[in-house]
Amino acid sequence: MVNAIQNITKKHMLISYRQEYHGDAVLDLRKNGSTMSCKIEFSLELTPLGSKNIRVQFLDNIEYPLIPVIRELKNHITTLDKSGRLP
């Protein structure tokens, strides 16, 4: 469902435990194999217990149920964060 998140840019934050990003999510939502791109904003916030809370917000409208897409995006963002591929 989530092919990639491209053009990731980090917003400058004064708070060290929260990181905010903008990017373009490339999603494979159609049955014919075509992809669509939509702008997203996401943040990673370190909790006092050491885990990270991820928040995803769509800046464009998509014609698809949001809950499964957000779940897939959070998994993809977690993978990018653990592998060190976020700026």
PDB file of N, CA and C in Angstrom:
ATOM      1  N   MET A   1       0.817  -1.187   0.000  1.00  0.00           N
ATOM      2  CA  MET A   1       0.000   0.000   0.000  1.00  0.00           C
ATOM      3  C   MET A   1       0.862   1.253   0.000  1.00  0.00           C
ATOM      4  N   VAL A   2       1.878   1.336   0.852  1.00  0.00           N
ATOM      5  CA  VAL A   2       2.791   2.483   0.887  1.00  0.00           C
ATOM      6  C   VAL A   2       4.048   2.098   0.130  1.00  0.00           C
ATOM      7  N   ASN A   3       4.279   2.774  -0.989  1.00  0.00           N
ATOM      8  CA  ASN A   3       5.482   2.483  -1.764  1.00  0.00           C
ATOM      9  C   ASN A   3       6.694   3.216  -1.205  1.00  0.00           C
ATOM     10  N   ALA A   4       6.520   4.492  -0.865  1.00  0.00           N
ATOM     11  CA  ALA A   4       7.642   5.289  -0.369  1.00  0.00           C
ATOM     12  C   ALA A   4       7.128   6.597   0.203  1.00  0.00           C
ATOM     13  N   ILE A   5       8.001   7.269   0.924  1.00  0.00           N
ATOM     14  CA  ILE A   5       7.774   8.654   1.324  1.00  0.00           C
ATOM     15  C   ILE A   5       8.946   9.432   0.746  1.00  0.00           C
ATOM     16  N   GLN A   6       8.639  10.334  -0.170  1.00  0.00           N
ATOM     17  CA  GLN A   6       9.678  11.071  -0.885  1.00  0.00           C
ATOM     18  C   GLN A   6       9.702  12.519  -0.426  1.00  0.00           C
ATOM     19  N   ASN A   7      10.787  13.194  -0.777  1.00  0.00           N
ATOM     20  CA  ASN A   7      10.956  14.632  -0.504  1.00  0.00           C
ATOM     21  C   ASN A   7      10.736  14.955   0.972  1.00  0.00           C
ATOM     22  N   ILE A   8      11.321  14.161   1.841  1.00  0.00           N
ATOM     23  CA  ILE A   8      11.159  14.373   3.282  1.00  0.00           C
ATOM     24  C   ILE A   8      12.010  15.560   3.714  1.00  0.00           C
ATOM     25  N   THR A   9      11.359  16.527   4.348  1.00  0.00           N
ATOM     26  CA  THR A   9      12.076  17.670   4.912  1.00  0.00           C
ATOM     27  C   THR A   9      11.725  17.780   6.388  1.00  0.00           C
ATOM     28  N   LYS A  10      12.720  18.119   7.173  1.00  0.00           N
ATOM     29  CA  LYS A  10      12.537  18.239   8.615  1.00  0.00           C
ATOM     30  C   LYS A  10      12.269  19.695   8.982  1.00  0.00           C
ATOM     31  N   LYS A  11      11.261  19.899   9.811  1.00  0.00           N
ATOM     32  CA  LYS A  11      10.980  21.227  10.323  1.00  0.00           C
ATOM     33  C   LYS A  11      11.900  21.509  11.505  1.00  0.00           C
ATOM     34  N   HIS A  12      12.364  22.739  11.618  1.00  0.00           N
ATOM     35  CA  HIS A  12      13.208  23.121  12.743  1.00  0.00           C
ATOM     36  C   HIS A  12      12.343  23.240  13.988  1.00  0.00           C
ATOM     37  N   MET A  13      12.686  22.486  15.018  1.00  0.00           N
ATOM     38  CA  MET A  13      11.939  22.487  16.276  1.00  0.00           C
ATOM     39  C   MET A  13      12.866  22.880  17.410  1.00  0.00           C
ATOM     40  N   LEU A  14      12.344  23.617  18.357  1.00  0.00           N
ATOM     41  CA  LEU A  14      13.115  23.990  19.537  1.00  0.00           C
ATOM     42  C   LEU A  14      13.030  22.925  20.622  1.00  0.00           C
ATOM     43  N   ILE A  15      12.109  21.979  20.458  1.00  0.00           N
ATOM     44  CA  ILE A  15      11.924  20.905  21.428  1.00  0.00           C
ATOM     45  C   ILE A  15      12.716  19.694  20.947  1.00  0.00           C
ATOM     46  N   SER A  16      13.588  19.165  21.797  1.00  0.00           N
ATOM     47  CA  SER A  16      14.479  18.092  21.354  1.00  0.00           C
ATOM     48  C   SER A  16      13.802  16.727  21.294  1.00  0.00           C
ATOM     49  N   TYR A  17      12.713  16.526  21.995  1.00  0.00           N
ATOM     50  CA  TYR A  17      12.080  15.208  22.023  1.00  0.00           C
ATOM     51  C   TYR A  17      11.000  15.044  20.959  1.00  0.00           C
ATOM     52  N   ARG A  18      10.802  16.056  20.115  1.00  0.00           N
ATOM     53  CA  ARG A  18       9.788  15.988  19.058  1.00  0.00           C
ATOM     54  C   ARG A  18      10.405  16.399  17.729  1.00  0.00           C
ATOM     55  N   GLN A  19      10.169  15.588  16.701  1.00  0.00           N
ATOM     56  CA  GLN A  19      10.660  15.878  15.357  1.00  0.00           C
ATOM     57  C   GLN A  19       9.473  15.909  14.407  1.00  0.00           C
ATOM     58  N   GLU A  20       9.401  16.941  13.572  1.00  0.00           N
ATOM     59  CA  GLU A  20       8.308  17.058  12.607  1.00  0.00           C
ATOM     60  C   GLU A  20       8.880  17.086  11.201  1.00  0.00           C
ATOM     61  N   TYR A  21       8.152  16.457  10.284  1.00  0.00           N
ATOM     62  CA  TYR A  21       8.587  16.315   8.899  1.00  0.00           C
ATOM     63  C   TYR A  21       7.425  16.579   7.952  1.00  0.00           C
ATOM     64  N   HIS A  22       7.771  16.978   6.731  1.00  0.00           N
ATOM     65  CA  HIS A  22       6.841  17.044   5.608  1.00  0.00           C
ATOM     66  C   HIS A  22       7.363  16.096   4.542  1.00  0.00           C
ATOM     67  N   GLY A  23       6.460  15.569   3.732  1.00  0.00           N
ATOM     68  CA  GLY A  23       6.892  14.699   2.649  1.00  0.00           C
ATOM     69  C   GLY A  23       5.744  14.358   1.720  1.00  0.00           C
ATOM     70  N   ASP A  24       6.065  13.599   0.694  1.00  0.00           N
ATOM     71  CA  ASP A  24       5.081  13.118  -0.271  1.00  0.00           C
ATOM     72  C   ASP A  24       4.985  11.610  -0.138  1.00  0.00           C
ATOM     73  N   ALA A  25       3.815  11.129   0.237  1.00  0.00           N
ATOM     74  CA  ALA A  25       3.593   9.687   0.356  1.00  0.00           C
ATOM     75  C   ALA A  25       3.170   9.144  -1.000  1.00  0.00           C
ATOM     76  N   VAL A  26       3.871   8.124  -1.481  1.00  0.00           N
ATOM     77  CA  VAL A  26       3.508   7.459  -2.729  1.00  0.00           C
ATOM     78  C   VAL A  26       2.751   6.201  -2.346  1.00  0.00           C
ATOM     79  N   LEU A  27       1.469   6.177  -2.692  1.00  0.00           N
ATOM     80  CA  LEU A  27       0.568   5.101  -2.266  1.00  0.00           C
ATOM     81  C   LEU A  27       0.081   4.308  -3.461  1.00  0.00           C
ATOM     82  N   ASP A  28      -0.037   3.005  -3.277  1.00  0.00           N
ATOM     83  CA  ASP A  28      -0.589   2.117  -4.291  1.00  0.00           C
ATOM     84  C   ASP A  28      -1.981   1.705  -3.806  1.00  0.00           C
ATOM     85  N   LEU A  29      -2.996   2.491  -4.166  1.00  0.00           N
ATOM     86  CA  LEU A  29      -4.337   2.281  -3.652  1.00  0.00           C
ATOM     87  C   LEU A  29      -5.303   1.724  -4.688  1.00  0.00           C
ATOM     88  N   ARG A  30      -4.929   1.766  -5.923  1.00  0.00           N
ATOM     89  CA  ARG A  30      -5.850   1.371  -6.975  1.00  0.00           C
ATOM     90  C   ARG A  30      -5.614  -0.068  -7.390  1.00  0.00           C
ATOM     91  N   LYS A  31      -6.677  -0.726  -7.832  1.00  0.00           N
ATOM     92  CA  LYS A  31      -6.568  -2.130  -8.219  1.00  0.00           C
ATOM     93  C   LYS A  31      -5.817  -2.319  -9.527  1.00  0.00           C
ATOM     94  N   ASN A  32      -5.738  -1.282 -10.361  1.00  0.00           N
ATOM     95  CA  ASN A  32      -5.068  -1.426 -11.639  1.00  0.00           C
ATOM     96  C   ASN A  32      -3.552  -1.236 -11.549  1.00  0.00           C
ATOM     97  N   GLY A  33      -3.023  -1.072 -10.365  1.00  0.00           N
ATOM     98  CA  GLY A  33      -1.583  -0.977 -10.170  1.00  0.00           C
ATOM     99  C   GLY A  33      -1.022   0.429 -10.245  1.00  0.00           C
ATOM    100  N   SER A  34      -1.858   1.433 -10.471  1.00  0.00           N
ATOM    101  CA  SER A  34      -1.356   2.800 -10.530  1.00  0.00           C
ATOM    102  C   SER A  34      -1.131   3.331  -9.110  1.00  0.00           C
ATOM    103  N   THR A  35      -0.303   4.335  -9.024  1.00  0.00           N
ATOM    104  CA  THR A  35       0.018   4.919  -7.726  1.00  0.00           C
ATOM    105  C   THR A  35      -0.459   6.357  -7.683  1.00  0.00           C
ATOM    106  N   MET A  36      -0.586   6.869  -6.487  1.00  0.00           N
ATOM    107  CA  MET A  36      -0.925   8.269  -6.299  1.00  0.00           C
ATOM    108  C   MET A  36       0.013   8.856  -5.256  1.00  0.00           C
ATOM    109  N   SER A  37       0.206  10.140  -5.330  1.00  0.00           N
ATOM    110  CA  SER A  37       1.068  10.837  -4.386  1.00  0.00           C
ATOM    111  C   SER A  37       0.238  11.871  -3.642  1.00  0.00           C
ATOM    112  N   CYS A  38       0.462  11.968  -2.338  1.00  0.00           N
ATOM    113  CA  CYS A  38      -0.238  12.981  -1.549  1.00  0.00           C
ATOM    114  C   CYS A  38       0.719  13.542  -0.505  1.00  0.00           C
ATOM    115  N   LYS A  39       0.515  14.792  -0.187  1.00  0.00           N
ATOM    116  CA  LYS A  39       1.368  15.467   0.791  1.00  0.00           C
ATOM    117  C   LYS A  39       0.931  15.086   2.206  1.00  0.00           C
ATOM    118  N   ILE A  40       1.932  14.802   3.034  1.00  0.00           N
ATOM    119  CA  ILE A  40       1.665  14.453   4.426  1.00  0.00           C
ATOM    120  C   ILE A  40       2.586  15.252   5.337  1.00  0.00           C
ATOM    121  N   GLU A  41       2.191  15.295   6.581  1.00  0.00           N
ATOM    122  CA  GLU A  41       3.007  15.849   7.658  1.00  0.00           C
ATOM    123  C   GLU A  41       3.014  14.802   8.747  1.00  0.00           C
ATOM    124  N   PHE A  42       4.184  14.508   9.299  1.00  0.00           N
ATOM    125  CA  PHE A  42       4.239  13.521  10.368  1.00  0.00           C
ATOM    126  C   PHE A  42       5.242  13.945  11.419  1.00  0.00           C
ATOM    127  N   SER A  43       5.010  13.432  12.626  1.00  0.00           N
ATOM    128  CA  SER A  43       5.897  13.761  13.730  1.00  0.00           C
ATOM    129  C   SER A  43       6.220  12.514  14.536  1.00  0.00           C
ATOM    130  N   LEU A  44       7.388  12.520  15.128  1.00  0.00           N
ATOM    131  CA  LEU A  44       7.824  11.478  16.047  1.00  0.00           C
ATOM    132  C   LEU A  44       8.118  12.153  17.378  1.00  0.00           C
ATOM    133  N   GLU A  45       7.468  11.673  18.425  1.00  0.00           N
ATOM    134  CA  GLU A  45       7.645  12.260  19.746  1.00  0.00           C
ATOM    135  C   GLU A  45       8.109  11.189  20.715  1.00  0.00           C
ATOM    136  N   LEU A  46       9.223  11.441  21.357  1.00  0.00           N
ATOM    137  CA  LEU A  46       9.788  10.513  22.336  1.00  0.00           C
ATOM    138  C   LEU A  46       9.050  10.671  23.658  1.00  0.00           C
ATOM    139  N   THR A  47       8.489   9.561  24.154  1.00  0.00           N
ATOM    140  CA  THR A  47       7.754   9.592  25.413  1.00  0.00           C
ATOM    141  C   THR A  47       8.724   9.471  26.591  1.00  0.00           C
ATOM    142  N   PRO A  48       8.301   9.787  27.810  1.00  0.00           N
ATOM    143  CA  PRO A  48       9.175   9.632  28.976  1.00  0.00           C
ATOM    144  C   PRO A  48       9.633   8.189  29.198  1.00  0.00           C
ATOM    145  N   LEU A  49       8.881   7.213  28.680  1.00  0.00           N
ATOM    146  CA  LEU A  49       9.269   5.813  28.843  1.00  0.00           C
ATOM    147  C   LEU A  49      10.194   5.308  27.748  1.00  0.00           C
ATOM    148  N   GLY A  50      10.535   6.167  26.781  1.00  0.00           N
ATOM    149  CA  GLY A  50      11.491   5.798  25.749  1.00  0.00           C
ATOM    150  C   GLY A  50      10.890   5.334  24.439  1.00  0.00           C
ATOM    151  N   SER A  51       9.587   5.165  24.345  1.00  0.00           N
ATOM    152  CA  SER A  51       8.973   4.766  23.072  1.00  0.00           C
ATOM    153  C   SER A  51       8.668   6.020  22.254  1.00  0.00           C
ATOM    154  N   LYS A  52       8.342   5.827  20.979  1.00  0.00           N
ATOM    155  CA  LYS A  52       8.049   6.955  20.107  1.00  0.00           C
ATOM    156  C   LYS A  52       6.603   6.906  19.659  1.00  0.00           C
ATOM    157  N   ASN A  53       5.918   8.033  19.805  1.00  0.00           N
ATOM    158  CA  ASN A  53       4.567   8.188  19.280  1.00  0.00           C
ATOM    159  C   ASN A  53       4.668   8.837  17.909  1.00  0.00           C
ATOM    160  N   ILE A  54       3.977   8.259  16.929  1.00  0.00           N
ATOM    161  CA  ILE A  54       3.993   8.784  15.569  1.00  0.00           C
ATOM    162  C   ILE A  54       2.613   9.321  15.246  1.00  0.00           C
ATOM    163  N   ARG A  55       2.569  10.538  14.714  1.00  0.00           N
ATOM    164  CA  ARG A  55       1.328  11.174  14.292  1.00  0.00           C
ATOM    165  C   ARG A  55       1.451  11.474  12.809  1.00  0.00           C
ATOM    166  N   VAL A  56       0.423  11.129  12.041  1.00  0.00           N
ATOM    167  CA  VAL A  56       0.410  11.369  10.596  1.00  0.00           C
ATOM    168  C   VAL A  56      -0.808  12.210  10.258  1.00  0.00           C
ATOM    169  N   GLN A  57      -0.602  13.236   9.436  1.00  0.00           N
ATOM    170  CA  GLN A  57      -1.706  14.080   8.988  1.00  0.00           C
ATOM    171  C   GLN A  57      -1.595  14.255   7.479  1.00  0.00           C
ATOM    172  N   PHE A  58      -2.727  14.065   6.788  1.00  0.00           N
ATOM    173  CA  PHE A  58      -2.770  14.247   5.345  1.00  0.00           C
ATOM    174  C   PHE A  58      -3.049  15.711   5.034  1.00  0.00           C
ATOM    175  N   LEU A  59      -2.264  16.290   4.142  1.00  0.00           N
ATOM    176  CA  LEU A  59      -2.490  17.662   3.708  1.00  0.00           C
ATOM    177  C   LEU A  59      -3.330  17.697   2.435  1.00  0.00           C
ATOM    178  N   ASP A  60      -3.447  16.552   1.759  1.00  0.00           N
ATOM    179  CA  ASP A  60      -4.306  16.392   0.586  1.00  0.00           C
ATOM    180  C   ASP A  60      -5.419  15.414   0.927  1.00  0.00           C
ATOM    181  N   ASN A  61      -6.523  15.505   0.208  1.00  0.00           N
ATOM    182  CA  ASN A  61      -7.606  14.542   0.371  1.00  0.00           C
ATOM    183  C   ASN A  61      -7.318  13.292  -0.451  1.00  0.00           C
ATOM    184  N   ILE A  62      -7.628  12.123   0.107  1.00  0.00           N
ATOM    185  CA  ILE A  62      -7.497  10.890  -0.650  1.00  0.00           C
ATOM    186  C   ILE A  62      -8.845  10.173  -0.625  1.00  0.00           C
ATOM    187  N   GLU A  63      -9.095   9.444  -1.679  1.00  0.00           N
ATOM    188  CA  GLU A  63     -10.340   8.687  -1.817  1.00  0.00           C
ATOM    189  C   GLU A  63     -10.091   7.241  -1.391  1.00  0.00           C
ATOM    190  N   TYR A  64      -9.869   7.040  -0.114  1.00  0.00           N
ATOM    191  CA  TYR A  64      -9.581   5.719   0.420  1.00  0.00           C
ATOM    192  C   TYR A  64      -9.788   5.784   1.926  1.00  0.00           C
ATOM    193  N   PRO A  65     -10.171   4.697   2.573  1.00  0.00           N
ATOM    194  CA  PRO A  65     -10.300   4.719   4.046  1.00  0.00           C
ATOM    195  C   PRO A  65      -8.968   5.081   4.711  1.00  0.00           C
ATOM    196  N   LEU A  66      -9.002   6.042   5.599  1.00  0.00           N
ATOM    197  CA  LEU A  66      -7.767   6.587   6.171  1.00  0.00           C
ATOM    198  C   LEU A  66      -7.098   5.680   7.191  1.00  0.00           C
ATOM    199  N   ILE A  67      -7.851   4.935   7.964  1.00  0.00           N
ATOM    200  CA  ILE A  67      -7.250   4.147   9.058  1.00  0.00           C
ATOM    201  C   ILE A  67      -6.222   3.134   8.548  1.00  0.00           C
ATOM    202  N   PRO A  68      -6.504   2.325   7.508  1.00  0.00           N
ATOM    203  CA  PRO A  68      -5.468   1.398   7.039  1.00  0.00           C
ATOM    204  C   PRO A  68      -4.259   2.114   6.431  1.00  0.00           C
ATOM    205  N   VAL A  69      -4.492   3.245   5.772  1.00  0.00           N
ATOM    206  CA  VAL A  69      -3.373   3.980   5.170  1.00  0.00           C
ATOM    207  C   VAL A  69      -2.488   4.574   6.260  1.00  0.00           C
ATOM    208  N   ILE A  70      -3.097   5.141   7.302  1.00  0.00           N
ATOM    209  CA  ILE A  70      -2.315   5.711   8.399  1.00  0.00           C
ATOM    210  C   ILE A  70      -1.523   4.629   9.120  1.00  0.00           C
ATOM    211  N   ARG A  71      -2.129   3.466   9.318  1.00  0.00           N
ATOM    212  CA  ARG A  71      -1.422   2.357   9.965  1.00  0.00           C
ATOM    213  C   ARG A  71      -0.195   1.951   9.142  1.00  0.00           C
ATOM    214  N   GLU A  72      -0.350   1.836   7.819  1.00  0.00           N
ATOM    215  CA  GLU A  72       0.774   1.473   6.951  1.00  0.00           C
ATOM    216  C   GLU A  72       1.841   2.562   6.943  1.00  0.00           C
ATOM    217  N   LEU A  73       1.419   3.832   6.927  1.00  0.00           N
ATOM    218  CA  LEU A  73       2.388   4.926   6.962  1.00  0.00           C
ATOM    219  C   LEU A  73       3.177   4.937   8.263  1.00  0.00           C
ATOM    220  N   LYS A  74       2.513   4.682   9.383  1.00  0.00           N
ATOM    221  CA  LYS A  74       3.225   4.632  10.671  1.00  0.00           C
ATOM    222  C   LYS A  74       4.251   3.510  10.686  1.00  0.00           C
ATOM    223  N   ASN A  75       3.905   2.352  10.129  1.00  0.00           N
ATOM    224  CA  ASN A  75       4.865   1.248  10.039  1.00  0.00           C
ATOM    225  C   ASN A  75       6.052   1.635   9.163  1.00  0.00           C
ATOM    226  N   HIS A  76       5.771   2.297   8.037  1.00  0.00           N
ATOM    227  CA  HIS A  76       6.842   2.715   7.128  1.00  0.00           C
ATOM    228  C   HIS A  76       7.738   3.764   7.793  1.00  0.00           C
ATOM    229  N   ILE A  77       7.146   4.717   8.510  1.00  0.00           N
ATOM    230  CA  ILE A  77       7.922   5.746   9.200  1.00  0.00           C
ATOM    231  C   ILE A  77       8.776   5.124  10.295  1.00  0.00           C
ATOM    232  N   THR A  78       8.236   4.143  11.010  1.00  0.00           N
ATOM    233  CA  THR A  78       9.017   3.439  12.035  1.00  0.00           C
ATOM    234  C   THR A  78      10.234   2.759  11.416  1.00  0.00           C
ATOM    235  N   THR A  79      10.053   2.126  10.258  1.00  0.00           N
ATOM    236  CA  THR A  79      11.167   1.482   9.563  1.00  0.00           C
ATOM    237  C   THR A  79      12.209   2.505   9.133  1.00  0.00           C
ATOM    238  N   LEU A  80      11.763   3.649   8.589  1.00  0.00           N
ATOM    239  CA  LEU A  80      12.699   4.702   8.187  1.00  0.00           C
ATOM    240  C   LEU A  80      13.473   5.228   9.384  1.00  0.00           C
ATOM    241  N   ASP A  81      12.802   5.393  10.522  1.00  0.00           N
ATOM    242  CA  ASP A  81      13.455   5.914  11.715  1.00  0.00           C
ATOM    243  C   ASP A  81      14.477   4.917  12.264  1.00  0.00           C
ATOM    244  N   LYS A  82      14.107   3.649  12.349  1.00  0.00           N
ATOM    245  CA  LYS A  82      15.025   2.639  12.894  1.00  0.00           C
ATOM    246  C   LYS A  82      16.251   2.422  12.010  1.00  0.00           C
ATOM    247  N   SER A  83      16.065   2.597  10.690  1.00  0.00           N
ATOM    248  CA  SER A  83      17.194   2.397   9.773  1.00  0.00           C
ATOM    249  C   SER A  83      18.008   3.665   9.585  1.00  0.00           C
ATOM    250  N   GLY A  84      17.609   4.777  10.216  1.00  0.00           N
ATOM    251  CA  GLY A  84      18.365   6.017  10.146  1.00  0.00           C
ATOM    252  C   GLY A  84      18.215   6.767   8.833  1.00  0.00           C
ATOM    253  N   ARG A  85      17.116   6.566   8.119  1.00  0.00           N
ATOM    254  CA  ARG A  85      16.934   7.211   6.823  1.00  0.00           C
ATOM    255  C   ARG A  85      16.083   8.472   6.887  1.00  0.00           C
ATOM    256  N   LEU A  86      15.754   8.942   8.079  1.00  0.00           N
ATOM    257  CA  LEU A  86      15.075  10.235   8.217  1.00  0.00           C
ATOM    258  C   LEU A  86      16.128  11.310   8.398  1.00  0.00           C
ATOM    259  N   PRO A  87      15.910  12.483   7.776  1.00  0.00           N
ATOM    260  CA  PRO A  87      16.923  13.568   7.910  1.00  0.00           C
ATOM    261  C   PRO A  87      17.024  14.105   9.324  1.00  0.00           C
TER     262      PRO A  87
END
